[in-house]
Amino acid sequence: MAKTDFKPVMCRNVEFQYPRLGATYKFNTAEKRSEECPPRANGAAYSIGWKMDAEAAGKLHTELKAHYESCQTKAPFGKVFGMSKNDDGTFNFRAKRNGTNGAGDENPKPKVIGGDKLPLADVNIWGGSTGSIKVTAYPVTDPDGQGGISLLIDTVQVVHAVYGGGGLDDFEEVASTMSGGSDASLDDFGPAKAADPFANIAAAPAANDLGDEIPF
């Protein structure tokens, strides 16, 4: 792929769903659920979902479709892999990072920061946490020949972190303020407002998938 096939995309002020950022998981087809596994296991990946309203999701879909059509691809645009519509009209998106790259080496864990742009001490957040996410969008073709955009996790900024069990009393709210980070790669991040639906959504297992290894 050409360097221009990889497009950075920011999604701000979103609600995260089923974040798996501290360890890799794979889907157990026998038990129909995701389970933690070593990074080198077949299908192992870090992943995170987020929810957007219809207007924001529509703008993102249009941007991703335009990017796909700007790349040198053979199949017509079919879909954004990992995107689905909810009954209430909102949309879910999903991004992942494989446990290993195309060369078989382990990928680093996704970068997770707080509102201050510093590394988040505990990355094992729960769904309902909010913040912003930076992903890399790139064109792929799935085994059925359908073209589309796959989303690769770059950096997750958690502004409101939820930890703990199933009851609201178990949740811990983590206050987060901007103090400015020294990492220039985080300049896109700024102050932000404060059963598994992704289990069967393929994040584009693709014939021309680079295994999450960006060649630059």
C-alpha atoms as a PDB file:
ATOM      1  CA  MET A   1       0.000   0.000   0.000  1.00  0.00           C
ATOM      2  CA  ALA A   2       1.041   3.589  -0.544  1.00  0.00           C
ATOM      3  CA  LYS A   3       1.690   5.810   2.471  1.00  0.00           C
ATOM      4  CA  THR A   4      -1.296   7.944   1.465  1.00  0.00           C
ATOM      5  CA  ASP A   5      -3.590   4.913   1.867  1.00  0.00           C
ATOM      6  CA  PHE A   6      -3.290   5.345   5.641  1.00  0.00           C
ATOM      7  CA  LYS A   7      -5.444   8.193   6.910  1.00  0.00           C
ATOM      8  CA  PRO A   8      -5.446   9.403  10.555  1.00  0.00           C
ATOM      9  CA  VAL A   9      -8.965  10.074  11.835  1.00  0.00           C
ATOM     10  CA  MET A  10     -10.046  11.668  15.132  1.00  0.00           C
ATOM     11  CA  CYS A  11     -13.355  10.856  16.850  1.00  0.00           C
ATOM     12  CA  ARG A  12     -13.948  13.235  19.745  1.00  0.00           C
ATOM     13  CA  ASN A  13     -16.227  13.117  22.769  1.00  0.00           C
ATOM     14  CA  VAL A  14     -17.495   9.573  22.305  1.00  0.00           C
ATOM     15  CA  GLU A  15     -18.684   6.834  24.640  1.00  0.00           C
ATOM     16  CA  PHE A  16     -16.478   3.766  24.591  1.00  0.00           C
ATOM     17  CA  GLN A  17     -17.862   0.246  24.397  1.00  0.00           C
ATOM     18  CA  TYR A  18     -16.216  -3.067  25.261  1.00  0.00           C
ATOM     19  CA  PRO A  19     -12.672  -1.689  25.516  1.00  0.00           C
ATOM     20  CA  ARG A  20      -9.963  -4.337  25.513  1.00  0.00           C
ATOM     21  CA  LEU A  21      -6.798  -2.296  25.639  1.00  0.00           C
ATOM     22  CA  GLY A  22      -4.700  -3.926  28.339  1.00  0.00           C
ATOM     23  CA  ALA A  23      -4.597  -7.414  26.828  1.00  0.00           C
ATOM     24  CA  THR A  24      -5.424  -9.239  23.611  1.00  0.00           C
ATOM     25  CA  TYR A  25      -8.652 -11.189  23.161  1.00  0.00           C
ATOM     26  CA  LYS A  26     -10.067 -13.591  20.607  1.00  0.00           C
ATOM     27  CA  PHE A  27     -13.593 -14.836  19.948  1.00  0.00           C
ATOM     28  CA  ASN A  28     -14.365 -18.331  21.237  1.00  0.00           C
ATOM     29  CA  THR A  29     -16.784 -19.736  18.669  1.00  0.00           C
ATOM     30  CA  ALA A  30     -17.763 -22.676  20.886  1.00  0.00           C
ATOM     31  CA  GLU A  31     -18.767 -20.498  23.838  1.00  0.00           C
ATOM     32  CA  LYS A  32     -19.751 -17.520  21.664  1.00  0.00           C
ATOM     33  CA  ARG A  33     -17.830 -14.987  23.693  1.00  0.00           C
ATOM     34  CA  SER A  34     -14.517 -13.180  23.660  1.00  0.00           C
ATOM     35  CA  GLU A  35     -11.770 -14.385  25.949  1.00  0.00           C
ATOM     36  CA  GLU A  36      -8.343 -13.126  26.903  1.00  0.00           C
ATOM     37  CA  CYS A  37      -5.455 -14.806  25.116  1.00  0.00           C
ATOM     38  CA  PRO A  38      -1.722 -14.350  24.430  1.00  0.00           C
ATOM     39  CA  PRO A  39      -0.831 -11.815  21.701  1.00  0.00           C
ATOM     40  CA  ARG A  40       0.514 -14.598  19.464  1.00  0.00           C
ATOM     41  CA  ALA A  41      -2.699 -16.633  19.573  1.00  0.00           C
ATOM     42  CA  ASN A  42      -4.607 -16.949  16.301  1.00  0.00           C
ATOM     43  CA  GLY A  43      -7.050 -14.044  16.034  1.00  0.00           C
ATOM     44  CA  ALA A  44      -5.664 -12.209  19.072  1.00  0.00           C
ATOM     45  CA  ALA A  45      -6.282  -8.452  19.034  1.00  0.00           C
ATOM     46  CA  TYR A  46      -6.696  -5.369  21.166  1.00  0.00           C
ATOM     47  CA  SER A  47     -10.010  -3.695  20.392  1.00  0.00           C
ATOM     48  CA  ILE A  48     -12.398  -0.936  21.347  1.00  0.00           C
ATOM     49  CA  GLY A  49     -15.808   0.225  20.219  1.00  0.00           C
ATOM     50  CA  TRP A  50     -17.477   3.596  20.491  1.00  0.00           C
ATOM     51  CA  LYS A  51     -20.902   5.062  19.881  1.00  0.00           C
ATOM     52  CA  MET A  52     -21.800   8.113  17.768  1.00  0.00           C
ATOM     53  CA  ASP A  53     -25.053   9.861  16.963  1.00  0.00           C
ATOM     54  CA  ALA A  54     -26.437   9.594  13.437  1.00  0.00           C
ATOM     55  CA  GLU A  55     -25.124  12.974  12.276  1.00  0.00           C
ATOM     56  CA  ALA A  56     -21.558  12.403  13.478  1.00  0.00           C
ATOM     57  CA  ALA A  57     -21.587   8.812  12.211  1.00  0.00           C
ATOM     58  CA  GLY A  58     -22.799   9.956   8.807  1.00  0.00           C
ATOM     59  CA  LYS A  59     -19.991  12.482   8.506  1.00  0.00           C
ATOM     60  CA  LEU A  60     -17.432   9.863   9.520  1.00  0.00           C
ATOM     61  CA  HIS A  61     -18.822   7.324   7.047  1.00  0.00           C
ATOM     62  CA  THR A  62     -18.671   9.912   4.245  1.00  0.00           C
ATOM     63  CA  GLU A  63     -15.064  10.778   5.138  1.00  0.00           C
ATOM     64  CA  LEU A  64     -14.018   7.132   5.203  1.00  0.00           C
ATOM     65  CA  LYS A  65     -15.798   6.313   1.948  1.00  0.00           C
ATOM     66  CA  ALA A  66     -14.096   9.253   0.239  1.00  0.00           C
ATOM     67  CA  HIS A  67     -10.733   8.066   1.517  1.00  0.00           C
ATOM     68  CA  TYR A  68     -11.330   4.562   0.172  1.00  0.00           C
ATOM     69  CA  GLU A  69     -12.244   5.939  -3.241  1.00  0.00           C
ATOM     70  CA  SER A  70      -9.077   8.062  -3.289  1.00  0.00           C
ATOM     71  CA  CYS A  71      -6.918   4.935  -2.948  1.00  0.00           C
ATOM     72  CA  GLN A  72      -5.870   2.552  -5.700  1.00  0.00           C
ATOM     73  CA  THR A  73      -8.347  -0.283  -5.093  1.00  0.00           C
ATOM     74  CA  LYS A  74      -9.949  -2.908  -7.318  1.00  0.00           C
ATOM     75  CA  ALA A  75     -13.239  -3.563  -5.504  1.00  0.00           C
ATOM     76  CA  PRO A  76     -15.890  -0.836  -5.170  1.00  0.00           C
ATOM     77  CA  PHE A  77     -16.508   0.536  -1.680  1.00  0.00           C
ATOM     78  CA  GLY A  78     -18.802  -1.748   0.298  1.00  0.00           C
ATOM     79  CA  LYS A  79     -18.690  -0.810   3.965  1.00  0.00           C
ATOM     80  CA  VAL A  80     -16.787   0.427   6.980  1.00  0.00           C
ATOM     81  CA  PHE A  81     -15.815  -2.797   8.722  1.00  0.00           C
ATOM     82  CA  GLY A  82     -16.925  -2.768  12.344  1.00  0.00           C
ATOM     83  CA  MET A  83     -19.714  -0.208  11.818  1.00  0.00           C
ATOM     84  CA  SER A  84     -23.265  -1.113  12.838  1.00  0.00           C
ATOM     85  CA  LYS A  85     -26.554   0.679  13.483  1.00  0.00           C
ATOM     86  CA  ASN A  86     -28.392   0.547  16.799  1.00  0.00           C
ATOM     87  CA  ASP A  87     -32.160   0.404  17.278  1.00  0.00           C
ATOM     88  CA  ASP A  88     -32.160   3.961  18.639  1.00  0.00           C
ATOM     89  CA  GLY A  89     -30.577   5.357  15.454  1.00  0.00           C
ATOM     90  CA  THR A  90     -27.072   5.719  16.862  1.00  0.00           C
ATOM     91  CA  PHE A  91     -24.123   3.873  15.354  1.00  0.00           C
ATOM     92  CA  ASN A  92     -21.311   1.744  16.741  1.00  0.00           C
ATOM     93  CA  PHE A  93     -17.786   1.682  15.357  1.00  0.00           C
ATOM     94  CA  ARG A  94     -14.972  -0.680  16.193  1.00  0.00           C
ATOM     95  CA  ALA A  95     -11.205  -0.509  15.801  1.00  0.00           C
ATOM     96  CA  LYS A  96      -8.562  -3.079  16.602  1.00  0.00           C
ATOM     97  CA  ARG A  97      -4.854  -3.762  16.679  1.00  0.00           C
ATOM     98  CA  ASN A  98      -3.683  -7.309  16.042  1.00  0.00           C
ATOM     99  CA  GLY A  99      -1.525  -9.018  18.641  1.00  0.00           C
ATOM    100  CA  THR A 100       1.197  -9.547  16.043  1.00  0.00           C
ATOM    101  CA  ASN A 101       2.237  -7.812  12.845  1.00  0.00           C
ATOM    102  CA  GLY A 102       2.748  -9.291   9.400  1.00  0.00           C
ATOM    103  CA  ALA A 103       6.267 -10.416  10.320  1.00  0.00           C
ATOM    104  CA  GLY A 104       4.972 -12.349  13.334  1.00  0.00           C
ATOM    105  CA  ASP A 105       6.400  -9.942  15.908  1.00  0.00           C
ATOM    106  CA  GLU A 106       4.240  -8.763  18.793  1.00  0.00           C
ATOM    107  CA  ASN A 107       2.665  -5.352  18.291  1.00  0.00           C
ATOM    108  CA  PRO A 108       2.942  -2.799  21.102  1.00  0.00           C
ATOM    109  CA  LYS A 109      -0.213  -2.211  23.103  1.00  0.00           C
ATOM    110  CA  PRO A 110      -2.366   0.737  21.972  1.00  0.00           C
ATOM    111  CA  LYS A 111      -1.396   4.070  23.508  1.00  0.00           C
ATOM    112  CA  VAL A 112      -3.900   5.088  26.194  1.00  0.00           C
ATOM    113  CA  ILE A 113      -3.730   8.542  27.772  1.00  0.00           C
ATOM    114  CA  GLY A 114      -5.777  10.619  30.170  1.00  0.00           C
ATOM    115  CA  GLY A 115      -7.156  14.099  29.680  1.00  0.00           C
ATOM    116  CA  ASP A 116      -3.726  15.464  30.619  1.00  0.00           C
ATOM    117  CA  LYS A 117      -2.145  13.590  27.697  1.00  0.00           C
ATOM    118  CA  LEU A 118      -0.112  11.482  30.118  1.00  0.00           C
ATOM    119  CA  PRO A 119      -0.252   7.660  30.094  1.00  0.00           C
ATOM    120  CA  LEU A 120      -3.344   6.355  31.869  1.00  0.00           C
ATOM    121  CA  ALA A 121      -2.316   4.394  34.960  1.00  0.00           C
ATOM    122  CA  ASP A 122      -5.027   1.745  34.604  1.00  0.00           C
ATOM    123  CA  VAL A 123      -6.023   1.038  31.003  1.00  0.00           C
ATOM    124  CA  ASN A 124      -8.591  -1.604  31.954  1.00  0.00           C
ATOM    125  CA  ILE A 125     -11.509   0.773  31.579  1.00  0.00           C
ATOM    126  CA  TRP A 126     -15.096  -0.380  31.222  1.00  0.00           C
ATOM    127  CA  GLY A 127     -17.790   0.479  28.725  1.00  0.00           C
ATOM    128  CA  GLY A 128     -19.390   3.798  29.526  1.00  0.00           C
ATOM    129  CA  SER A 129     -16.031   5.536  29.787  1.00  0.00           C
ATOM    130  CA  THR A 130     -15.804   8.595  27.553  1.00  0.00           C
ATOM    131  CA  GLY A 131     -13.112  10.451  25.672  1.00  0.00           C
ATOM    132  CA  SER A 132     -11.619  10.611  22.184  1.00  0.00           C
ATOM    133  CA  ILE A 133      -9.943   8.119  19.898  1.00  0.00           C
ATOM    134  CA  LYS A 134      -7.485   8.476  17.049  1.00  0.00           C
ATOM    135  CA  VAL A 135      -7.539   5.677  14.496  1.00  0.00           C
ATOM    136  CA  THR A 136      -5.824   4.925  11.213  1.00  0.00           C
ATOM    137  CA  ALA A 137      -8.203   4.195   8.348  1.00  0.00           C
ATOM    138  CA  TYR A 138      -6.955   2.056   5.465  1.00  0.00           C
ATOM    139  CA  PRO A 139      -8.538   0.213   2.513  1.00  0.00           C
ATOM    140  CA  VAL A 140      -8.935  -3.560   2.622  1.00  0.00           C
ATOM    141  CA  THR A 141     -10.701  -6.293   0.705  1.00  0.00           C
ATOM    142  CA  ASP A 142     -12.302  -9.125   2.674  1.00  0.00           C
ATOM    143  CA  PRO A 143     -12.128 -12.824   1.660  1.00  0.00           C
ATOM    144  CA  ASP A 144     -15.463 -12.434  -0.167  1.00  0.00           C
ATOM    145  CA  GLY A 145     -14.031  -9.680  -2.339  1.00  0.00           C
ATOM    146  CA  GLN A 146     -15.902  -6.838  -0.650  1.00  0.00           C
ATOM    147  CA  GLY A 147     -13.926  -3.618  -0.363  1.00  0.00           C
ATOM    148  CA  GLY A 148     -14.081  -1.253   2.550  1.00  0.00           C
ATOM    149  CA  ILE A 149     -12.282   0.622   5.280  1.00  0.00           C
ATOM    150  CA  SER A 150     -10.745  -0.994   8.339  1.00  0.00           C
ATOM    151  CA  LEU A 151      -9.878   1.010  11.459  1.00  0.00           C
ATOM    152  CA  LEU A 152      -6.652   0.501  13.370  1.00  0.00           C
ATOM    153  CA  ILE A 153      -6.315   1.785  16.951  1.00  0.00           C
ATOM    154  CA  ASP A 154      -3.713   4.521  17.278  1.00  0.00           C
ATOM    155  CA  THR A 155      -4.347   6.395  20.552  1.00  0.00           C
ATOM    156  CA  VAL A 156      -7.226   6.424  23.029  1.00  0.00           C
ATOM    157  CA  GLN A 157      -7.744   9.439  25.311  1.00  0.00           C
ATOM    158  CA  VAL A 158      -9.888   8.650  28.361  1.00  0.00           C
ATOM    159  CA  VAL A 159     -11.420  11.719  29.970  1.00  0.00           C
ATOM    160  CA  HIS A 160     -14.013   9.990  32.148  1.00  0.00           C
ATOM    161  CA  ALA A 161     -12.965   6.472  33.166  1.00  0.00           C
ATOM    162  CA  VAL A 162     -15.348   3.838  34.473  1.00  0.00           C
ATOM    163  CA  TYR A 163     -13.969   0.900  36.439  1.00  0.00           C
ATOM    164  CA  GLY A 164     -15.500  -1.867  38.507  1.00  0.00           C
ATOM    165  CA  GLY A 165     -18.495  -4.165  38.544  1.00  0.00           C
ATOM    166  CA  GLY A 166     -22.020  -4.082  37.198  1.00  0.00           C
ATOM    167  CA  GLY A 167     -23.662  -1.714  39.688  1.00  0.00           C
ATOM    168  CA  LEU A 168     -23.401   2.053  39.553  1.00  0.00           C
ATOM    169  CA  ASP A 169     -22.123   2.093  43.122  1.00  0.00           C
ATOM    170  CA  ASP A 170     -19.076   0.179  41.962  1.00  0.00           C
ATOM    171  CA  PHE A 171     -18.066   2.785  39.392  1.00  0.00           C
ATOM    172  CA  GLU A 172     -15.162   5.058  40.049  1.00  0.00           C
ATOM    173  CA  GLU A 173     -15.050   8.478  38.392  1.00  0.00           C
ATOM    174  CA  VAL A 174     -11.581   9.655  37.488  1.00  0.00           C
ATOM    175  CA  ALA A 175     -11.221  13.408  37.141  1.00  0.00           C
ATOM    176  CA  SER A 176      -8.970  14.497  34.325  1.00  0.00           C
ATOM    177  CA  THR A 177      -7.571  17.922  33.447  1.00  0.00           C
ATOM    178  CA  MET A 178      -5.351  19.251  30.697  1.00  0.00           C
ATOM    179  CA  SER A 179      -1.769  19.911  31.734  1.00  0.00           C
ATOM    180  CA  GLY A 180      -0.202  19.581  28.289  1.00  0.00           C
ATOM    181  CA  GLY A 181       1.925  16.648  27.191  1.00  0.00           C
ATOM    182  CA  SER A 182       5.406  16.694  25.754  1.00  0.00           C
ATOM    183  CA  ASP A 183       4.616  14.109  23.070  1.00  0.00           C
ATOM    184  CA  ALA A 184       4.028  15.976  19.797  1.00  0.00           C
ATOM    185  CA  SER A 185       2.099  13.006  18.418  1.00  0.00           C
ATOM    186  CA  LEU A 186      -0.679  13.814  20.907  1.00  0.00           C
ATOM    187  CA  ASP A 187      -1.283  17.341  19.649  1.00  0.00           C
ATOM    188  CA  ASP A 188      -4.562  16.278  18.060  1.00  0.00           C
ATOM    189  CA  PHE A 189      -5.968  15.552  21.505  1.00  0.00           C
ATOM    190  CA  GLY A 190      -7.361  18.341  23.597  1.00  0.00           C
ATOM    191  CA  PRO A 191      -9.949  19.045  26.283  1.00  0.00           C
ATOM    192  CA  ALA A 192     -12.989  16.839  25.847  1.00  0.00           C
ATOM    193  CA  LYS A 193     -16.487  16.518  27.356  1.00  0.00           C
ATOM    194  CA  ALA A 194     -16.741  14.672  29.965  1.00  0.00           C
ATOM    195  CA  ALA A 195     -23.893  -9.631  25.615  1.00  0.00           C
ATOM    196  CA  ASP A 196     -21.060  -8.312  23.121  1.00  0.00           C
ATOM    197  CA  PRO A 197     -22.334  -6.634  19.933  1.00  0.00           C
ATOM    198  CA  PHE A 198     -18.851  -6.583  18.395  1.00  0.00           C
ATOM    199  CA  ALA A 199     -18.063 -10.267  18.802  1.00  0.00           C
ATOM    200  CA  ASN A 200     -19.165 -11.244  15.307  1.00  0.00           C
ATOM    201  CA  ILE A 201     -18.178  -8.036  13.500  1.00  0.00           C
ATOM    202  CA  ALA A 202     -15.058  -8.694  11.486  1.00  0.00           C
ATOM    203  CA  ALA A 203     -12.610  -5.827  11.541  1.00  0.00           C
ATOM    204  CA  ALA A 204     -11.797  -6.767   7.966  1.00  0.00           C
ATOM    205  CA  PRO A 205      -9.851 -10.011   7.842  1.00  0.00           C
ATOM    206  CA  ALA A 206      -8.562  -9.136   4.449  1.00  0.00           C
ATOM    207  CA  ALA A 207      -6.648 -10.476   1.522  1.00  0.00           C
ATOM    208  CA  ASN A 208      -4.460  -7.377   1.461  1.00  0.00           C
ATOM    209  CA  ASP A 209      -4.455  -6.750   5.225  1.00  0.00           C
ATOM    210  CA  LEU A 210      -0.969  -5.803   6.396  1.00  0.00           C
ATOM    211  CA  GLY A 211      -1.496  -7.324   9.819  1.00  0.00           C
ATOM    212  CA  ASP A 212      -1.508  -3.892  11.461  1.00  0.00           C
ATOM    213  CA  GLU A 213       2.042  -3.199  10.347  1.00  0.00           C
ATOM    214  CA  ILE A 214       2.215   0.254   8.773  1.00  0.00           C
ATOM    215  CA  PRO A 215       5.262   0.375   6.492  1.00  0.00           C
ATOM    216  CA  PHE A 216       6.574   3.826   7.395  1.00  0.00           C
END
